[in-house]
N, C-alpha and C. Protein backbone atom coordinates (compact mmCIF):
# COMPACT_ATOMS: atom_id res chain seq x y z
N MET A 1 22.22 17.65 -1.04
CA MET A 1 21.40 17.93 0.12
C MET A 1 22.08 17.39 1.37
N GLN A 2 22.01 18.15 2.42
CA GLN A 2 22.48 17.68 3.71
C GLN A 2 21.35 16.89 4.35
N ILE A 3 21.69 15.82 5.07
CA ILE A 3 20.70 15.01 5.77
C ILE A 3 21.13 14.83 7.21
N LYS A 4 20.22 15.12 8.12
CA LYS A 4 20.43 14.87 9.56
C LYS A 4 19.48 13.75 9.95
N THR A 5 20.03 12.70 10.54
CA THR A 5 19.23 11.55 10.95
C THR A 5 19.03 11.59 12.46
N ILE A 6 17.79 11.36 12.88
CA ILE A 6 17.44 11.34 14.29
C ILE A 6 17.05 9.92 14.65
N VAL A 7 17.85 9.30 15.53
CA VAL A 7 17.61 7.91 15.92
C VAL A 7 17.64 7.84 17.44
N SER A 8 16.56 7.35 18.04
CA SER A 8 16.57 7.15 19.48
C SER A 8 16.89 5.70 19.82
N ASP A 9 16.65 4.80 18.88
CA ASP A 9 16.94 3.37 19.05
C ASP A 9 17.36 2.83 17.68
N PRO A 10 18.55 2.30 17.54
CA PRO A 10 19.04 1.86 16.22
C PRO A 10 18.18 0.77 15.58
N ASN A 11 17.34 0.08 16.35
CA ASN A 11 16.50 -0.97 15.78
C ASN A 11 15.19 -0.44 15.21
N LEU A 12 14.93 0.84 15.39
CA LEU A 12 13.70 1.45 14.90
C LEU A 12 13.96 2.17 13.59
N ARG A 13 12.89 2.55 12.93
CA ARG A 13 13.03 3.36 11.72
C ARG A 13 13.66 4.70 12.07
N ARG A 14 14.31 5.29 11.07
CA ARG A 14 15.03 6.55 11.30
C ARG A 14 14.25 7.72 10.73
N LEU A 15 14.19 8.78 11.49
CA LEU A 15 13.59 10.03 11.02
C LEU A 15 14.71 10.86 10.41
N GLY A 16 14.48 11.37 9.23
CA GLY A 16 15.49 12.18 8.57
C GLY A 16 14.96 13.55 8.19
N VAL A 17 15.86 14.51 8.20
CA VAL A 17 15.56 15.86 7.72
C VAL A 17 16.65 16.20 6.71
N ALA A 18 16.25 16.57 5.52
CA ALA A 18 17.20 16.91 4.46
C ALA A 18 16.92 18.33 3.98
N TRP A 19 17.98 19.05 3.59
CA TRP A 19 17.80 20.42 3.12
C TRP A 19 18.97 20.83 2.24
N ASP A 20 18.73 21.88 1.48
CA ASP A 20 19.81 22.52 0.72
C ASP A 20 19.67 24.03 0.87
N ARG A 21 20.52 24.77 0.19
CA ARG A 21 20.53 26.22 0.38
C ARG A 21 19.65 26.95 -0.62
N ILE A 22 18.89 26.22 -1.43
CA ILE A 22 18.04 26.89 -2.42
C ILE A 22 16.55 26.70 -2.11
N GLY A 23 16.24 26.39 -0.85
CA GLY A 23 14.85 26.38 -0.43
C GLY A 23 14.16 25.03 -0.42
N ASN A 24 14.91 23.96 -0.47
CA ASN A 24 14.31 22.63 -0.41
C ASN A 24 14.51 22.03 0.97
N VAL A 25 13.40 21.59 1.59
CA VAL A 25 13.44 20.91 2.89
C VAL A 25 12.55 19.68 2.77
N GLN A 26 13.05 18.55 3.25
CA GLN A 26 12.28 17.33 3.27
C GLN A 26 12.39 16.68 4.64
N VAL A 27 11.31 16.04 5.08
CA VAL A 27 11.34 15.20 6.28
C VAL A 27 10.82 13.84 5.86
N GLY A 28 11.35 12.80 6.50
CA GLY A 28 10.91 11.48 6.12
C GLY A 28 11.30 10.42 7.11
N VAL A 29 10.75 9.25 6.89
CA VAL A 29 11.06 8.07 7.69
C VAL A 29 11.61 7.03 6.74
N ASP A 30 12.82 6.57 7.03
CA ASP A 30 13.45 5.53 6.21
C ASP A 30 13.08 4.16 6.73
N VAL A 31 13.00 3.21 5.82
CA VAL A 31 12.74 1.83 6.22
C VAL A 31 14.02 1.21 6.76
N GLU A 32 13.87 0.22 7.61
CA GLU A 32 15.01 -0.44 8.22
C GLU A 32 15.88 -1.11 7.15
N GLY A 33 17.18 -1.03 7.33
CA GLY A 33 18.11 -1.69 6.43
C GLY A 33 18.50 -0.87 5.21
N ALA A 34 17.83 0.24 4.94
CA ALA A 34 18.16 1.06 3.78
C ALA A 34 19.06 2.20 4.21
N GLU A 35 19.83 2.71 3.27
CA GLU A 35 20.62 3.90 3.53
C GLU A 35 19.67 5.09 3.71
N VAL A 36 20.07 6.06 4.51
CA VAL A 36 19.24 7.24 4.74
C VAL A 36 18.98 7.94 3.41
N GLY A 37 17.72 8.23 3.14
CA GLY A 37 17.33 8.91 1.91
C GLY A 37 17.14 7.98 0.73
N GLU A 38 17.43 6.71 0.88
CA GLU A 38 17.34 5.75 -0.22
C GLU A 38 15.93 5.19 -0.37
N SER A 39 15.27 4.93 0.73
CA SER A 39 13.95 4.31 0.68
C SER A 39 13.13 4.78 1.87
N GLY A 40 11.85 4.92 1.69
CA GLY A 40 10.99 5.35 2.78
C GLY A 40 9.95 6.35 2.30
N LEU A 41 9.37 7.04 3.22
CA LEU A 41 8.36 8.06 2.92
C LEU A 41 8.93 9.43 3.25
N TRP A 42 8.95 10.30 2.26
CA TRP A 42 9.51 11.63 2.43
C TRP A 42 8.50 12.67 1.96
N ALA A 43 8.48 13.83 2.62
CA ALA A 43 7.58 14.92 2.26
C ALA A 43 8.37 16.21 2.11
N ASP A 44 8.02 17.00 1.10
CA ASP A 44 8.62 18.32 0.91
C ASP A 44 7.88 19.33 1.78
N LEU A 45 8.62 20.23 2.40
CA LEU A 45 8.02 21.29 3.21
C LEU A 45 8.44 22.65 2.69
N ASP A 46 7.50 23.59 2.68
CA ASP A 46 7.85 24.97 2.42
C ASP A 46 8.13 25.64 3.77
N ARG A 47 8.40 26.93 3.77
CA ARG A 47 8.74 27.61 5.02
C ARG A 47 7.61 27.51 6.04
N LYS A 48 6.37 27.70 5.61
CA LYS A 48 5.23 27.59 6.52
C LYS A 48 5.12 26.17 7.08
N GLY A 49 5.32 25.17 6.23
CA GLY A 49 5.28 23.78 6.69
C GLY A 49 6.35 23.50 7.73
N CYS A 50 7.56 24.05 7.53
CA CYS A 50 8.64 23.89 8.52
C CYS A 50 8.24 24.53 9.85
N ASN A 51 7.71 25.75 9.78
CA ASN A 51 7.31 26.44 11.01
C ASN A 51 6.19 25.70 11.73
N ASP A 52 5.22 25.17 10.98
CA ASP A 52 4.14 24.40 11.59
C ASP A 52 4.67 23.14 12.27
N LEU A 53 5.59 22.44 11.60
CA LEU A 53 6.17 21.22 12.17
C LEU A 53 6.94 21.53 13.45
N ILE A 54 7.74 22.59 13.44
CA ILE A 54 8.50 22.98 14.64
C ILE A 54 7.54 23.28 15.79
N ARG A 55 6.48 24.01 15.50
CA ARG A 55 5.49 24.36 16.54
C ARG A 55 4.85 23.11 17.14
N VAL A 56 4.46 22.16 16.29
CA VAL A 56 3.82 20.94 16.77
C VAL A 56 4.79 20.07 17.57
N VAL A 57 6.03 19.95 17.11
CA VAL A 57 7.01 19.14 17.84
C VAL A 57 7.32 19.77 19.19
N ARG A 58 7.42 21.08 19.26
CA ARG A 58 7.64 21.74 20.56
C ARG A 58 6.47 21.48 21.51
N ARG A 59 5.26 21.56 21.00
CA ARG A 59 4.08 21.31 21.84
C ARG A 59 4.09 19.86 22.33
N ALA A 60 4.42 18.93 21.45
CA ALA A 60 4.48 17.52 21.85
C ALA A 60 5.57 17.29 22.89
N ARG A 61 6.74 17.87 22.68
CA ARG A 61 7.84 17.74 23.64
C ARG A 61 7.45 18.29 25.01
N ASP A 62 6.88 19.49 25.03
CA ASP A 62 6.51 20.12 26.29
C ASP A 62 5.41 19.33 27.00
N SER A 63 4.47 18.78 26.26
CA SER A 63 3.40 17.97 26.86
C SER A 63 3.95 16.67 27.43
N ALA A 64 4.91 16.07 26.73
CA ALA A 64 5.46 14.78 27.18
C ALA A 64 6.49 14.91 28.28
N PHE A 65 7.33 15.95 28.23
CA PHE A 65 8.47 16.04 29.14
C PHE A 65 8.47 17.29 30.04
N GLY A 66 7.52 18.19 29.83
CA GLY A 66 7.52 19.45 30.57
C GLY A 66 8.28 20.51 29.80
N ARG A 67 7.99 21.76 30.12
CA ARG A 67 8.64 22.87 29.43
C ARG A 67 10.07 23.06 29.89
N ASP A 68 10.93 23.49 28.96
CA ASP A 68 12.30 23.86 29.31
C ASP A 68 12.26 25.18 30.09
N GLU A 69 13.09 25.29 31.08
CA GLU A 69 13.13 26.53 31.87
C GLU A 69 14.09 27.50 31.27
């Protein structure tokens, strides 16, 4: 699985997104001090779950920072 880690501050927990080419997608938060994907809370998403998450994150981003032009 490929894992992309999103970190805005290295002292905070890391948000991770993992996926493969056979339809598996996971999002999770790793605990501090652990390797990415080693420890934390992770959830499996299907295609609808991915689309719902993208929609919610876009709404949150636009509400917090304004819409992209």
